[in-house]
C-alpha atoms as a PDB file:
ATOM      1  CA  MET A   1       0.000   0.000   0.000  1.00  0.00           C
ATOM      2  CA  VAL A   2       1.160   3.555  -0.575  1.00  0.00           C
ATOM      3  CA  GLN A   3       2.163   5.808   2.288  1.00  0.00           C
ATOM      4  CA  PRO A   4      -0.663   8.099   3.527  1.00  0.00           C
ATOM      5  CA  GLY A   5       1.069  11.195   2.219  1.00  0.00           C
ATOM      6  CA  MET A   6       1.293   9.733  -1.291  1.00  0.00           C
ATOM      7  CA  GLN A   7      -2.452   9.142  -1.721  1.00  0.00           C
ATOM      8  CA  GLN A   8      -3.240  12.557  -3.170  1.00  0.00           C
ATOM      9  CA  HIS A   9      -0.129  12.409  -5.350  1.00  0.00           C
ATOM     10  CA  LEU A  10      -1.239   9.136  -6.934  1.00  0.00           C
ATOM     11  CA  LEU A  11      -4.713  10.466  -7.609  1.00  0.00           C
ATOM     12  CA  SER A  12      -3.618  13.788  -9.095  1.00  0.00           C
ATOM     13  CA  ASN A  13      -1.946  12.765 -12.323  1.00  0.00           C
ATOM     14  CA  LEU A  14      -0.327  14.874 -14.995  1.00  0.00           C
ATOM     15  CA  PRO A  15      -1.817  14.463 -17.547  1.00  0.00           C
ATOM     16  CA  PRO A  16      -5.325  13.236 -16.476  1.00  0.00           C
ATOM     17  CA  PRO A  17      -5.667   9.427 -16.118  1.00  0.00           C
ATOM     18  CA  ARG A  18      -7.868   7.167 -18.231  1.00  0.00           C
ATOM     19  CA  PRO A  19      -9.339   4.731 -15.694  1.00  0.00           C
ATOM     20  CA  VAL A  20     -10.875   1.334 -16.430  1.00  0.00           C
ATOM     21  CA  SER A  21     -13.028  -0.605 -13.989  1.00  0.00           C
ATOM     22  CA  PHE A  22     -14.706  -3.932 -13.275  1.00  0.00           C
ATOM     23  CA  SER A  23     -17.470  -4.705 -10.761  1.00  0.00           C
ATOM     24  CA  ARG A  24     -18.872  -7.984  -9.544  1.00  0.00           C
ATOM     25  CA  ASN A  25     -22.600  -7.994  -8.849  1.00  0.00           C
ATOM     26  CA  VAL A  26     -24.183 -10.493  -6.444  1.00  0.00           C
ATOM     27  CA  ALA A  27     -27.652 -11.013  -4.977  1.00  0.00           C
ATOM     28  CA  ASN A  28     -28.108 -10.316  -1.271  1.00  0.00           C
ATOM     29  CA  ALA A  29     -30.537 -11.961   1.149  1.00  0.00           C
ATOM     30  CA  ASN A  30     -33.368  -9.859  -0.299  1.00  0.00           C
ATOM     31  CA  SER A  31     -32.509 -10.973  -3.854  1.00  0.00           C
ATOM     32  CA  THR A  32     -31.386  -7.437  -4.608  1.00  0.00           C
ATOM     33  CA  CYS A  33     -28.437  -7.125  -6.944  1.00  0.00           C
ATOM     34  CA  ILE A  34     -25.601  -5.267  -5.255  1.00  0.00           C
ATOM     35  CA  THR A  35     -22.018  -4.500  -6.208  1.00  0.00           C
ATOM     36  CA  GLN A  36     -19.774  -6.565  -3.924  1.00  0.00           C
ATOM     37  CA  TYR A  37     -16.368  -5.879  -5.417  1.00  0.00           C
ATOM     38  CA  SER A  38     -15.154  -3.039  -7.615  1.00  0.00           C
ATOM     39  CA  TYR A  39     -11.728  -2.605  -9.151  1.00  0.00           C
ATOM     40  CA  PHE A  40     -10.232   0.517 -10.741  1.00  0.00           C
ATOM     41  CA  TYR A  41      -6.978   0.772 -12.682  1.00  0.00           C
ATOM     42  CA  TRP A  42      -5.275   3.730 -14.296  1.00  0.00           C
ATOM     43  CA  GLN A  43      -1.749   4.831 -15.111  1.00  0.00           C
ATOM     44  CA  ASN A  44       0.424   7.787 -14.278  1.00  0.00           C
ATOM     45  CA  SER A  45       4.097   8.693 -14.474  1.00  0.00           C
ATOM     46  CA  GLN A  46       4.855   6.185 -11.707  1.00  0.00           C
ATOM     47  CA  GLY A  47       3.198   3.182 -13.338  1.00  0.00           C
ATOM     48  CA  VAL A  48      -0.089   1.256 -13.144  1.00  0.00           C
ATOM     49  CA  VAL A  49      -2.226   2.330 -10.183  1.00  0.00           C
ATOM     50  CA  SER A  50      -5.083   0.340  -8.656  1.00  0.00           C
ATOM     51  CA  SER A  51      -7.800   0.723  -6.048  1.00  0.00           C
ATOM     52  CA  GLU A  52     -10.519  -1.695  -5.017  1.00  0.00           C
ATOM     53  CA  ASN A  53     -13.692  -1.753  -2.970  1.00  0.00           C
ATOM     54  CA  ASP A  54     -14.559  -5.006  -1.186  1.00  0.00           C
ATOM     55  CA  GLY A  55     -17.838  -3.614   0.112  1.00  0.00           C
ATOM     56  CA  GLN A  56     -16.256  -1.694   2.959  1.00  0.00           C
ATOM     57  CA  GLY A  57     -15.125   1.296   0.906  1.00  0.00           C
ATOM     58  CA  PHE A  58     -12.269   1.939  -1.469  1.00  0.00           C
ATOM     59  CA  GLU A  59      -8.736   1.157  -0.375  1.00  0.00           C
ATOM     60  CA  GLN A  60      -5.871   3.552  -0.802  1.00  0.00           C
ATOM     61  CA  ALA A  61      -4.481   3.728  -4.321  1.00  0.00           C
ATOM     62  CA  THR A  62      -1.646   1.246  -4.843  1.00  0.00           C
ATOM     63  CA  LEU A  63       1.161   1.107  -7.356  1.00  0.00           C
ATOM     64  CA  VAL A  64       1.211  -2.228  -9.186  1.00  0.00           C
ATOM     65  CA  ASP A  65       4.642  -3.851  -9.027  1.00  0.00           C
ATOM     66  CA  VAL A  66       5.225  -4.891 -12.646  1.00  0.00           C
ATOM     67  CA  ASP A  67       8.137  -4.482 -15.062  1.00  0.00           C
ATOM     68  CA  ALA A  68       5.978  -3.664 -18.104  1.00  0.00           C
ATOM     69  CA  GLU A  69       5.692   0.081 -17.453  1.00  0.00           C
ATOM     70  CA  PRO A  70       2.649   1.794 -18.992  1.00  0.00           C
ATOM     71  CA  SER A  71       2.800   4.696 -21.392  1.00  0.00           C
ATOM     72  CA  THR A  72       1.221   7.561 -19.436  1.00  0.00           C
ATOM     73  CA  ASN A  73      -2.246   8.773 -20.435  1.00  0.00           C
ATOM     74  CA  THR A  74      -2.814   6.127 -23.098  1.00  0.00           C
ATOM     75  CA  SER A  75      -5.787   3.832 -23.632  1.00  0.00           C
ATOM     76  CA  MET A  76      -6.401   0.819 -21.395  1.00  0.00           C
ATOM     77  CA  ALA A  77      -8.928  -2.034 -21.541  1.00  0.00           C
ATOM     78  CA  LEU A  78     -10.028  -4.371 -18.739  1.00  0.00           C
ATOM     79  CA  THR A  79     -11.856  -7.682 -18.989  1.00  0.00           C
ATOM     80  CA  TYR A  80     -12.496 -10.719 -16.780  1.00  0.00           C
ATOM     81  CA  SER A  81     -11.690 -14.410 -17.215  1.00  0.00           C
ATOM     82  CA  GLY A  82     -13.710 -16.834 -15.149  1.00  0.00           C
ATOM     83  CA  THR A  83     -14.395 -20.519 -14.608  1.00  0.00           C
ATOM     84  CA  LEU A  84     -17.313 -22.660 -15.690  1.00  0.00           C
ATOM     85  CA  ASN A  85     -17.341 -25.370 -13.028  1.00  0.00           C
ATOM     86  CA  GLY A  86     -16.019 -23.464 -10.013  1.00  0.00           C
ATOM     87  CA  ASP A  87     -13.968 -26.317  -8.517  1.00  0.00           C
ATOM     88  CA  THR A  88     -11.783 -25.856  -5.448  1.00  0.00           C
ATOM     89  CA  GLU A  89      -8.902 -24.494  -7.527  1.00  0.00           C
ATOM     90  CA  ALA A  90     -11.096 -22.026  -9.420  1.00  0.00           C
ATOM     91  CA  ILE A  91      -9.853 -19.008  -7.497  1.00  0.00           C
ATOM     92  CA  LEU A  92      -6.391 -19.639  -8.949  1.00  0.00           C
ATOM     93  CA  ARG A  93      -7.721 -19.207 -12.467  1.00  0.00           C
ATOM     94  CA  ARG A  94     -10.170 -16.344 -12.078  1.00  0.00           C
ATOM     95  CA  SER A  95      -8.453 -13.138 -13.043  1.00  0.00           C
ATOM     96  CA  LEU A  96      -8.785  -9.611 -14.307  1.00  0.00           C
ATOM     97  CA  ASN A  97      -6.924  -8.907 -17.513  1.00  0.00           C
ATOM     98  CA  LEU A  98      -5.618  -5.426 -18.222  1.00  0.00           C
ATOM     99  CA  PHE A  99      -4.440  -4.452 -21.710  1.00  0.00           C
ATOM    100  CA  TYR A 100      -2.317  -1.351 -22.211  1.00  0.00           C
ATOM    101  CA  ARG A 101       0.572   0.230 -24.136  1.00  0.00           C
ATOM    102  CA  THR A 102       3.994   0.117 -22.526  1.00  0.00           C
ATOM    103  CA  THR A 103       6.678   2.790 -22.656  1.00  0.00           C
ATOM    104  CA  LYS A 104       8.344   0.620 -25.347  1.00  0.00           C
ATOM    105  CA  SER A 105       5.151   0.737 -27.500  1.00  0.00           C
ATOM    106  CA  GLY A 106       4.204  -2.903 -26.908  1.00  0.00           C
ATOM    107  CA  LEU A 107       0.585  -3.997 -26.383  1.00  0.00           C
ATOM    108  CA  VAL A 108       0.662  -5.981 -23.144  1.00  0.00           C
ATOM    109  CA  GLN A 109      -1.776  -8.217 -21.296  1.00  0.00           C
ATOM    110  CA  LEU A 110      -1.443  -7.964 -17.516  1.00  0.00           C
ATOM    111  CA  ARG A 111      -3.141 -10.877 -15.752  1.00  0.00           C
ATOM    112  CA  ILE A 112      -4.207  -9.918 -12.231  1.00  0.00           C
ATOM    113  CA  GLY A 113      -5.251 -12.484  -9.635  1.00  0.00           C
ATOM    114  CA  ASN A 114      -4.522 -13.458  -6.026  1.00  0.00           C
ATOM    115  CA  GLY A 115      -2.108 -10.566  -5.628  1.00  0.00           C
ATOM    116  CA  VAL A 116      -0.028 -11.739  -8.597  1.00  0.00           C
ATOM    117  CA  TYR A 117       0.628  -9.639 -11.713  1.00  0.00           C
ATOM    118  CA  LEU A 118       1.722 -11.515 -14.854  1.00  0.00           C
ATOM    119  CA  PRO A 119       2.525  -9.399 -17.938  1.00  0.00           C
ATOM    120  CA  GLN A 120       2.690 -10.847 -21.459  1.00  0.00           C
ATOM    121  CA  TYR A 121       3.517  -9.117 -24.725  1.00  0.00           C
ATOM    122  CA  VAL A 122       0.651  -9.679 -27.152  1.00  0.00           C
ATOM    123  CA  GLY A 123       2.893  -9.363 -30.207  1.00  0.00           C
ATOM    124  CA  ARG A 124       1.755  -5.997 -31.513  1.00  0.00           C
ATOM    125  CA  ASP A 125       3.306  -2.549 -31.198  1.00  0.00           C
ATOM    126  CA  ILE A 126       0.928   0.400 -31.050  1.00  0.00           C
ATOM    127  CA  GLY A 127       1.126   4.183 -31.061  1.00  0.00           C
ATOM    128  CA  PRO A 128       0.374   6.523 -28.133  1.00  0.00           C
ATOM    129  CA  LYS A 129      -3.033   7.551 -29.549  1.00  0.00           C
ATOM    130  CA  THR A 130      -4.241   3.974 -30.054  1.00  0.00           C
ATOM    131  CA  ASN A 131      -7.664   3.128 -28.624  1.00  0.00           C
ATOM    132  CA  ILE A 132      -7.922  -0.382 -27.120  1.00  0.00           C
ATOM    133  CA  ALA A 133     -11.017  -2.522 -26.495  1.00  0.00           C
ATOM    134  CA  ALA A 134     -11.068  -6.140 -25.294  1.00  0.00           C
ATOM    135  CA  PHE A 135     -13.371  -8.955 -24.244  1.00  0.00           C
ATOM    136  CA  SER A 136     -12.866 -12.544 -23.094  1.00  0.00           C
ATOM    137  CA  THR A 137     -14.342 -15.724 -24.514  1.00  0.00           C
ATOM    138  CA  GLY A 138     -14.683 -19.137 -22.915  1.00  0.00           C
ATOM    139  CA  PHE A 139     -13.549 -20.320 -19.504  1.00  0.00           C
ATOM    140  CA  ASN A 140     -10.288 -21.061 -17.702  1.00  0.00           C
ATOM    141  CA  GLU A 141     -10.728 -24.631 -16.433  1.00  0.00           C
ATOM    142  CA  SER A 142      -8.209 -26.918 -14.742  1.00  0.00           C
ATOM    143  CA  ASP A 143      -9.418 -29.887 -16.821  1.00  0.00           C
ATOM    144  CA  PRO A 144      -9.410 -29.017 -20.543  1.00  0.00           C
ATOM    145  CA  SER A 145     -11.478 -32.123 -21.340  1.00  0.00           C
ATOM    146  CA  ASP A 146     -14.333 -30.692 -19.257  1.00  0.00           C
ATOM    147  CA  ASN A 147     -14.336 -27.298 -20.974  1.00  0.00           C
ATOM    148  CA  PRO A 148     -16.424 -26.856 -24.143  1.00  0.00           C
ATOM    149  CA  THR A 149     -15.103 -23.320 -24.679  1.00  0.00           C
ATOM    150  CA  PRO A 150     -11.450 -22.781 -23.638  1.00  0.00           C
ATOM    151  CA  LEU A 151     -10.359 -19.320 -22.535  1.00  0.00           C
ATOM    152  CA  GLY A 152      -9.612 -16.761 -25.218  1.00  0.00           C
ATOM    153  CA  PHE A 153      -9.348 -13.003 -25.689  1.00  0.00           C
ATOM    154  CA  GLN A 154     -10.275 -10.647 -28.528  1.00  0.00           C
ATOM    155  CA  VAL A 155      -8.318  -7.390 -28.428  1.00  0.00           C
ATOM    156  CA  LEU A 156      -9.237  -4.633 -30.872  1.00  0.00           C
ATOM    157  CA  SER A 157      -7.006  -1.618 -31.398  1.00  0.00           C
ATOM    158  CA  ILE A 158      -7.194   1.413 -33.650  1.00  0.00           C
ATOM    159  CA  ASP A 159      -4.481   4.011 -34.178  1.00  0.00           C
ATOM    160  CA  PRO A 160      -5.624   7.282 -35.800  1.00  0.00           C
ATOM    161  CA  ASP A 161      -2.037   8.100 -36.762  1.00  0.00           C
ATOM    162  CA  GLN A 162      -1.675   4.903 -38.799  1.00  0.00           C
ATOM    163  CA  GLY A 163      -5.025   5.118 -40.583  1.00  0.00           C
ATOM    164  CA  ASP A 164      -5.181   1.332 -40.960  1.00  0.00           C
ATOM    165  CA  GLY A 165      -8.523   0.867 -39.226  1.00  0.00           C
ATOM    166  CA  VAL A 166      -9.437  -1.589 -36.477  1.00  0.00           C
ATOM    167  CA  GLN A 167      -6.759  -4.234 -35.902  1.00  0.00           C
ATOM    168  CA  LEU A 168      -7.335  -7.596 -34.199  1.00  0.00           C
ATOM    169  CA  SER A 169      -5.114  -9.579 -31.847  1.00  0.00           C
ATOM    170  CA  TYR A 170      -6.551 -12.733 -30.291  1.00  0.00           C
ATOM    171  CA  LEU A 171      -5.640 -15.468 -27.836  1.00  0.00           C
ATOM    172  CA  LYS A 172      -6.588 -19.055 -28.740  1.00  0.00           C
ATOM    173  CA  ASP A 173      -5.137 -22.253 -27.275  1.00  0.00           C
ATOM    174  CA  ALA A 174      -2.820 -20.152 -25.079  1.00  0.00           C
ATOM    175  CA  GLN A 175      -1.198 -18.535 -28.129  1.00  0.00           C
ATOM    176  CA  TRP A 176      -1.478 -14.929 -29.295  1.00  0.00           C
ATOM    177  CA  THR A 177      -2.112 -14.249 -32.986  1.00  0.00           C
ATOM    178  CA  VAL A 178      -1.793 -10.789 -34.530  1.00  0.00           C
ATOM    179  CA  LEU A 179      -3.668 -10.176 -37.771  1.00  0.00           C
ATOM    180  CA  ALA A 180      -2.213  -7.767 -40.293  1.00  0.00           C
ATOM    181  CA  ASP A 181      -5.426  -6.970 -42.169  1.00  0.00           C
ATOM    182  CA  GLU A 182      -7.978  -4.413 -41.046  1.00  0.00           C
ATOM    183  CA  VAL A 183     -11.273  -5.656 -39.573  1.00  0.00           C
ATOM    184  CA  ALA A 184     -13.283  -4.656 -42.633  1.00  0.00           C
ATOM    185  CA  ASP A 185     -16.684  -4.954 -40.946  1.00  0.00           C
ATOM    186  CA  LEU A 186     -15.672  -2.136 -38.580  1.00  0.00           C
ATOM    187  CA  SER A 187     -14.315   0.220 -41.238  1.00  0.00           C
ATOM    188  CA  ASP A 188     -16.878   2.870 -40.248  1.00  0.00           C
ATOM    189  CA  CYS A 189     -14.982   3.239 -36.965  1.00  0.00           C
ATOM    190  CA  LYS A 190     -11.749   4.313 -38.667  1.00  0.00           C
ATOM    191  CA  ALA A 191     -12.339   8.061 -38.946  1.00  0.00           C
ATOM    192  CA  LYS A 192     -13.011   8.761 -35.255  1.00  0.00           C
ATOM    193  CA  ALA A 193     -10.916   5.890 -33.843  1.00  0.00           C
ATOM    194  CA  THR A 194     -12.983   5.729 -30.638  1.00  0.00           C
ATOM    195  CA  MET A 195     -14.606   2.473 -29.508  1.00  0.00           C
ATOM    196  CA  ALA A 196     -15.613   0.358 -26.534  1.00  0.00           C
ATOM    197  CA  VAL A 197     -16.773  -3.241 -26.169  1.00  0.00           C
ATOM    198  CA  ASN A 198     -18.625  -5.121 -23.431  1.00  0.00           C
ATOM    199  CA  ARG A 199     -18.699  -8.729 -22.164  1.00  0.00           C
ATOM    200  CA  ALA A 200     -21.805  -9.354 -24.262  1.00  0.00           C
ATOM    201  CA  GLN A 201     -19.477  -8.982 -27.269  1.00  0.00           C
ATOM    202  CA  HIS A 202     -21.146  -5.814 -28.516  1.00  0.00           C
ATOM    203  CA  LEU A 203     -18.944  -3.006 -29.766  1.00  0.00           C
ATOM    204  CA  TYR A 204     -19.789   0.696 -29.837  1.00  0.00           C
ATOM    205  CA  CYS A 205     -17.869   3.283 -31.814  1.00  0.00           C
ATOM    206  CA  LEU A 206     -18.186   6.871 -32.965  1.00  0.00           C
ATOM    207  CA  VAL A 207     -19.066   7.250 -36.643  1.00  0.00           C
ATOM    208  CA  ASP A 208     -18.950  10.478 -38.621  1.00  0.00           C
ATOM    209  CA  THR A 209     -22.394  11.527 -39.805  1.00  0.00           C
ATOM    210  CA  GLY A 210     -21.014  13.812 -42.502  1.00  0.00           C
ATOM    211  CA  GLY A 211     -21.632  17.518 -42.900  1.00  0.00           C
ATOM    212  CA  ASP A 212     -22.158  19.512 -39.736  1.00  0.00           C
ATOM    213  CA  ASN A 213     -24.215  16.919 -37.884  1.00  0.00           C
ATOM    214  CA  GLY A 214     -21.324  15.639 -35.783  1.00  0.00           C
ATOM    215  CA  VAL A 215     -21.080  11.956 -34.848  1.00  0.00           C
ATOM    216  CA  LYS A 216     -23.323   9.057 -33.942  1.00  0.00           C
ATOM    217  CA  ILE A 217     -22.731   5.988 -31.760  1.00  0.00           C
ATOM    218  CA  VAL A 218     -23.139   2.788 -33.751  1.00  0.00           C
ATOM    219  CA  GLU A 219     -23.460  -0.685 -32.233  1.00  0.00           C
ATOM    220  CA  TRP A 220     -22.056  -3.925 -33.663  1.00  0.00           C
ATOM    221  CA  SER A 221     -22.459  -7.547 -32.543  1.00  0.00           C
ATOM    222  CA  TRP A 222     -19.591 -10.041 -32.782  1.00  0.00           C
ATOM    223  CA  GLN A 223     -20.340 -12.955 -35.125  1.00  0.00           C
ATOM    224  CA  GLY A 224     -17.200 -15.007 -34.527  1.00  0.00           C
ATOM    225  CA  ASP A 225     -17.283 -18.788 -34.150  1.00  0.00           C
ATOM    226  CA  LEU A 226     -14.723 -19.758 -31.485  1.00  0.00           C
ATOM    227  CA  SER A 227     -13.773 -22.916 -33.382  1.00  0.00           C
ATOM    228  CA  ILE A 228     -13.098 -20.996 -36.631  1.00  0.00           C
ATOM    229  CA  PRO A 229     -10.479 -18.232 -36.240  1.00  0.00           C
ATOM    230  CA  THR A 230     -11.161 -16.915 -39.746  1.00  0.00           C
ATOM    231  CA  THR A 231     -14.537 -15.691 -38.437  1.00  0.00           C
ATOM    232  CA  TYR A 232     -13.051 -13.642 -35.607  1.00  0.00           C
ATOM    233  CA  SER A 233     -13.187 -10.474 -37.736  1.00  0.00           C
ATOM    234  CA  ASN A 234     -16.905 -10.894 -38.436  1.00  0.00           C
ATOM    235  CA  TRP A 235     -19.182  -8.207 -36.995  1.00  0.00           C
ATOM    236  CA  GLU A 236     -22.809  -7.382 -37.729  1.00  0.00           C
ATOM    237  CA  LYS A 237     -24.108  -3.831 -37.473  1.00  0.00           C
ATOM    238  CA  VAL A 238     -26.975  -3.589 -34.985  1.00  0.00           C
ATOM    239  CA  GLY A 239     -27.770   0.055 -35.582  1.00  0.00           C
ATOM    240  CA  VAL A 240     -27.409   3.586 -34.285  1.00  0.00           C
ATOM    241  CA  LEU A 241     -27.928   4.111 -30.550  1.00  0.00           C
ATOM    242  CA  ASP A 242     -30.906   6.302 -29.758  1.00  0.00           C
ATOM    243  CA  LEU A 243     -29.815   8.291 -26.732  1.00  0.00           C
ATOM    244  CA  GLY A 244     -33.012  10.331 -26.650  1.00  0.00           C
ATOM    245  CA  LEU A 245     -31.109  13.595 -26.873  1.00  0.00           C
ATOM    246  CA  SER A 246     -32.851  15.046 -29.909  1.00  0.00           C
END
């Protein structure tokens, strides 16, 4: 934990941080859904910073002890990997997975679980303006024969300086693969290079409306078949989000 006098220093970054978060919702005795655990991560000039709430309030901000130093004020993405069967060793395989750009330009996955931080280079270098979005697929089981959908990750990145559209890196069978071709189905996202994705495998990005009408938020649904990697770039447009602002 950081020293008391460092708390404000960690929270007042230059430049402003870009936090990512994950919350676990559970049902209480009254069958009301409550947030039991919440985790926040961001980066500053000192490294990756974290804070969590176990239901008793947020802890002091803590510097994560990891060699893969983050590039300050760049995009981060956070997703969760869980277990299907929940056996006695399940807690060893449940983890948060943080994706970010390092000071050496590498796209890194940082696996976080049980107080352990395990970084891994994905195999792609990205620029400082790159936007990152990620979601997990499958489950992390101790017995592969009892797992119909092994753990995987889909990591989407888009760099406005490169102009090469949405790029895909994915984890399958414990191996990272980096595709060189643009995800053509998401070509509308290229101009604004701003996107987010959720665990339901729906992606949202800003799309130029043309003229003076600004931008719109468009939703896509992932159409990938986990057994066929060539389908991992397949997305179907759901439509424009109606935010009720007009």
